[in-house]
Amino acid sequence: QVHLVESGGGLVQPGDSLRLSCAASGTFPRVYIVAWHRQAQGKERGLIGHVHSKGLTSCLADSMKGRFAISRDAATTIAYLQMNDLRPEYTAVYYCQVNPGEYWGHGTLVTVSS
């Protein structure tokens, strides 16, 4: 069982940067992937990208490249989502997920508004 807790969300202004954290605990698969997703109100949850447990690679959806970055602290079980130049349309609840197992956190709300 894996337990995930996202943090770092809040109210920010357009153009600001924000770093979200995903703290994980529990019994992990030997090899796993941490993914970040987001869900805006009234819309489906969508994949932002993921990072491998070895931390060697991270992949982002094409629309996120250049503005978002995903990383993982190799010494801990924390993954990060760095978001730059935020826009109002990025307002959403941001979730992290671990696979295999499809473990989800409860999400952290990011609101981008002036």
C-alpha atoms as a PDB file:
ATOM      1  CA  GLN A   1       0.000   0.000   0.000  1.00  0.00           C
ATOM      2  CA  VAL A   2       1.279   3.429  -0.968  1.00  0.00           C
ATOM      3  CA  HIS A   3       0.072   6.641   0.635  1.00  0.00           C
ATOM      4  CA  LEU A   4       0.489   9.913  -1.276  1.00  0.00           C
ATOM      5  CA  VAL A   5       0.121  13.464  -0.035  1.00  0.00           C
ATOM      6  CA  GLU A   6       0.335  16.451  -2.339  1.00  0.00           C
ATOM      7  CA  SER A   7       1.197  19.900  -1.056  1.00  0.00           C
ATOM      8  CA  GLY A   8       2.248  23.318  -2.252  1.00  0.00           C
ATOM      9  CA  GLY A   9      -0.932  24.486  -3.923  1.00  0.00           C
ATOM     10  CA  GLY A  10      -2.546  27.832  -3.314  1.00  0.00           C
ATOM     11  CA  LEU A  11      -3.594  31.101  -4.863  1.00  0.00           C
ATOM     12  CA  VAL A  12      -1.051  32.665  -7.190  1.00  0.00           C
ATOM     13  CA  GLN A  13      -1.057  35.401  -9.784  1.00  0.00           C
ATOM     14  CA  PRO A  14      -0.579  34.925 -13.529  1.00  0.00           C
ATOM     15  CA  GLY A  15       3.092  34.659 -14.352  1.00  0.00           C
ATOM     16  CA  ASP A  16       4.037  33.280 -10.948  1.00  0.00           C
ATOM     17  CA  SER A  17       5.858  30.014 -10.341  1.00  0.00           C
ATOM     18  CA  LEU A  18       4.887  27.257  -7.961  1.00  0.00           C
ATOM     19  CA  ARG A  19       6.399  23.969  -6.904  1.00  0.00           C
ATOM     20  CA  LEU A  20       4.145  21.148  -5.842  1.00  0.00           C
ATOM     21  CA  SER A  21       5.374  18.224  -3.784  1.00  0.00           C
ATOM     22  CA  CYS A  22       4.182  14.658  -3.617  1.00  0.00           C
ATOM     23  CA  ALA A  23       5.276  12.887  -0.465  1.00  0.00           C
ATOM     24  CA  ALA A  24       4.952   9.140  -0.555  1.00  0.00           C
ATOM     25  CA  SER A  25       5.073   6.476   2.111  1.00  0.00           C
ATOM     26  CA  GLY A  26       4.334   2.803   2.355  1.00  0.00           C
ATOM     27  CA  THR A  27       5.502  -0.276   0.525  1.00  0.00           C
ATOM     28  CA  PHE A  28       6.622   0.513  -2.993  1.00  0.00           C
ATOM     29  CA  PRO A  29       7.064  -1.699  -6.006  1.00  0.00           C
ATOM     30  CA  ARG A  30      10.701  -2.220  -6.832  1.00  0.00           C
ATOM     31  CA  VAL A  31      10.282  -0.095  -9.928  1.00  0.00           C
ATOM     32  CA  TYR A  32       7.560   2.491 -10.184  1.00  0.00           C
ATOM     33  CA  ILE A  33       6.518   5.689 -11.863  1.00  0.00           C
ATOM     34  CA  VAL A  34       5.226   8.844 -10.229  1.00  0.00           C
ATOM     35  CA  ALA A  35       2.844  10.771 -12.445  1.00  0.00           C
ATOM     36  CA  TRP A  36       1.272  14.199 -12.078  1.00  0.00           C
ATOM     37  CA  HIS A  37      -2.254  14.877 -13.289  1.00  0.00           C
ATOM     38  CA  ARG A  38      -4.568  17.825 -13.061  1.00  0.00           C
ATOM     39  CA  GLN A  39      -8.298  18.276 -13.153  1.00  0.00           C
ATOM     40  CA  ALA A  40      -9.997  21.589 -13.742  1.00  0.00           C
ATOM     41  CA  GLN A  41     -13.540  22.070 -12.582  1.00  0.00           C
ATOM     42  CA  GLY A  42     -15.938  20.441 -15.000  1.00  0.00           C
ATOM     43  CA  LYS A  43     -13.193  18.774 -16.987  1.00  0.00           C
ATOM     44  CA  GLU A  44     -11.607  15.354 -17.079  1.00  0.00           C
ATOM     45  CA  ARG A  45      -8.418  14.590 -15.245  1.00  0.00           C
ATOM     46  CA  GLY A  46      -5.447  14.834 -17.579  1.00  0.00           C
ATOM     47  CA  LEU A  47      -1.868  13.654 -17.458  1.00  0.00           C
ATOM     48  CA  ILE A  48       0.862  16.253 -17.062  1.00  0.00           C
ATOM     49  CA  GLY A  49       3.829  13.903 -17.049  1.00  0.00           C
ATOM     50  CA  HIS A  50       5.744  11.368 -15.017  1.00  0.00           C
ATOM     51  CA  VAL A  51       9.115  10.477 -13.578  1.00  0.00           C
ATOM     52  CA  HIS A  52      10.671   7.043 -13.213  1.00  0.00           C
ATOM     53  CA  SER A  53      11.615   5.731  -9.773  1.00  0.00           C
ATOM     54  CA  LYS A  54      15.247   5.772 -10.767  1.00  0.00           C
ATOM     55  CA  GLY A  55      14.772   9.462 -11.475  1.00  0.00           C
ATOM     56  CA  LEU A  56      16.576   9.151 -14.738  1.00  0.00           C
ATOM     57  CA  THR A  57      13.823  10.263 -17.034  1.00  0.00           C
ATOM     58  CA  SER A  58      10.790  12.468 -16.879  1.00  0.00           C
ATOM     59  CA  CYS A  59       8.237  12.952 -19.571  1.00  0.00           C
ATOM     60  CA  LEU A  60       5.832  15.765 -20.049  1.00  0.00           C
ATOM     61  CA  ALA A  61       2.840  16.176 -22.273  1.00  0.00           C
ATOM     62  CA  ASP A  62       3.798  18.316 -25.265  1.00  0.00           C
ATOM     63  CA  SER A  63       1.638  21.206 -24.116  1.00  0.00           C
ATOM     64  CA  MET A  64       3.503  21.310 -20.810  1.00  0.00           C
ATOM     65  CA  LYS A  65       7.043  21.333 -22.111  1.00  0.00           C
ATOM     66  CA  GLY A  66       8.901  24.535 -21.487  1.00  0.00           C
ATOM     67  CA  ARG A  67       6.673  25.566 -18.629  1.00  0.00           C
ATOM     68  CA  PHE A  68       6.447  22.526 -16.322  1.00  0.00           C
ATOM     69  CA  ALA A  69       9.129  20.202 -15.003  1.00  0.00           C
ATOM     70  CA  ILE A  70       8.908  17.012 -13.018  1.00  0.00           C
ATOM     71  CA  SER A  71      11.639  15.723 -10.770  1.00  0.00           C
ATOM     72  CA  ARG A  72      12.218  13.304  -7.952  1.00  0.00           C
ATOM     73  CA  ASP A  73      14.429  13.435  -4.899  1.00  0.00           C
ATOM     74  CA  ALA A  74      16.487  10.247  -5.103  1.00  0.00           C
ATOM     75  CA  ALA A  75      17.182  10.283  -1.360  1.00  0.00           C
ATOM     76  CA  THR A  76      13.528  10.414  -0.388  1.00  0.00           C
ATOM     77  CA  THR A  77      10.232   9.399  -1.858  1.00  0.00           C
ATOM     78  CA  ILE A  78       9.197  12.887  -2.841  1.00  0.00           C
ATOM     79  CA  ALA A  79       8.376  13.989  -6.343  1.00  0.00           C
ATOM     80  CA  TYR A  80       7.989  17.553  -7.498  1.00  0.00           C
ATOM     81  CA  LEU A  81       6.092  19.446 -10.140  1.00  0.00           C
ATOM     82  CA  GLN A  82       7.661  22.790 -10.944  1.00  0.00           C
ATOM     83  CA  MET A  83       5.273  25.110 -12.721  1.00  0.00           C
ATOM     84  CA  ASN A  84       6.407  28.381 -14.248  1.00  0.00           C
ATOM     85  CA  ASP A  85       4.614  31.273 -15.884  1.00  0.00           C
ATOM     86  CA  LEU A  86       1.288  30.116 -14.582  1.00  0.00           C
ATOM     87  CA  ARG A  87      -1.891  31.062 -16.395  1.00  0.00           C
ATOM     88  CA  PRO A  88      -5.491  31.248 -15.191  1.00  0.00           C
ATOM     89  CA  GLU A  89      -6.343  28.208 -17.312  1.00  0.00           C
ATOM     90  CA  TYR A  90      -3.978  26.168 -15.157  1.00  0.00           C
ATOM     91  CA  THR A  91      -6.354  26.507 -12.243  1.00  0.00           C
ATOM     92  CA  ALA A  92      -7.074  22.935 -11.210  1.00  0.00           C
ATOM     93  CA  VAL A  93      -6.612  20.302  -8.580  1.00  0.00           C
ATOM     94  CA  TYR A  94      -3.231  18.680  -9.080  1.00  0.00           C
ATOM     95  CA  TYR A  95      -2.782  15.023  -8.212  1.00  0.00           C
ATOM     96  CA  CYS A  96       0.136  12.661  -8.027  1.00  0.00           C
ATOM     97  CA  GLN A  97      -0.162   8.996  -8.800  1.00  0.00           C
ATOM     98  CA  VAL A  98       2.085   5.959  -8.375  1.00  0.00           C
ATOM     99  CA  ASN A  99       2.040   3.023 -10.764  1.00  0.00           C
ATOM    100  CA  PRO A 100       1.907   0.091 -10.714  1.00  0.00           C
ATOM    101  CA  GLY A 101      -1.009   0.025  -8.346  1.00  0.00           C
ATOM    102  CA  GLU A 102      -2.776   3.247  -9.375  1.00  0.00           C
ATOM    103  CA  TYR A 103      -2.315   4.914  -6.011  1.00  0.00           C
ATOM    104  CA  TRP A 104      -3.617   8.471  -5.865  1.00  0.00           C
ATOM    105  CA  GLY A 105      -3.251  11.359  -3.503  1.00  0.00           C
ATOM    106  CA  HIS A 106      -6.151  13.635  -2.584  1.00  0.00           C
ATOM    107  CA  GLY A 107      -4.818  16.490  -4.654  1.00  0.00           C
ATOM    108  CA  THR A 108      -3.800  20.076  -4.027  1.00  0.00           C
ATOM    109  CA  LEU A 109      -5.680  23.027  -5.448  1.00  0.00           C
ATOM    110  CA  VAL A 110      -3.854  25.583  -7.542  1.00  0.00           C
ATOM    111  CA  THR A 111      -5.726  28.775  -8.334  1.00  0.00           C
ATOM    112  CA  VAL A 112      -4.209  31.237 -10.759  1.00  0.00           C
ATOM    113  CA  SER A 113      -5.977  34.551 -10.611  1.00  0.00           C
ATOM    114  CA  SER A 114      -5.229  38.230 -10.502  1.00  0.00           C
END
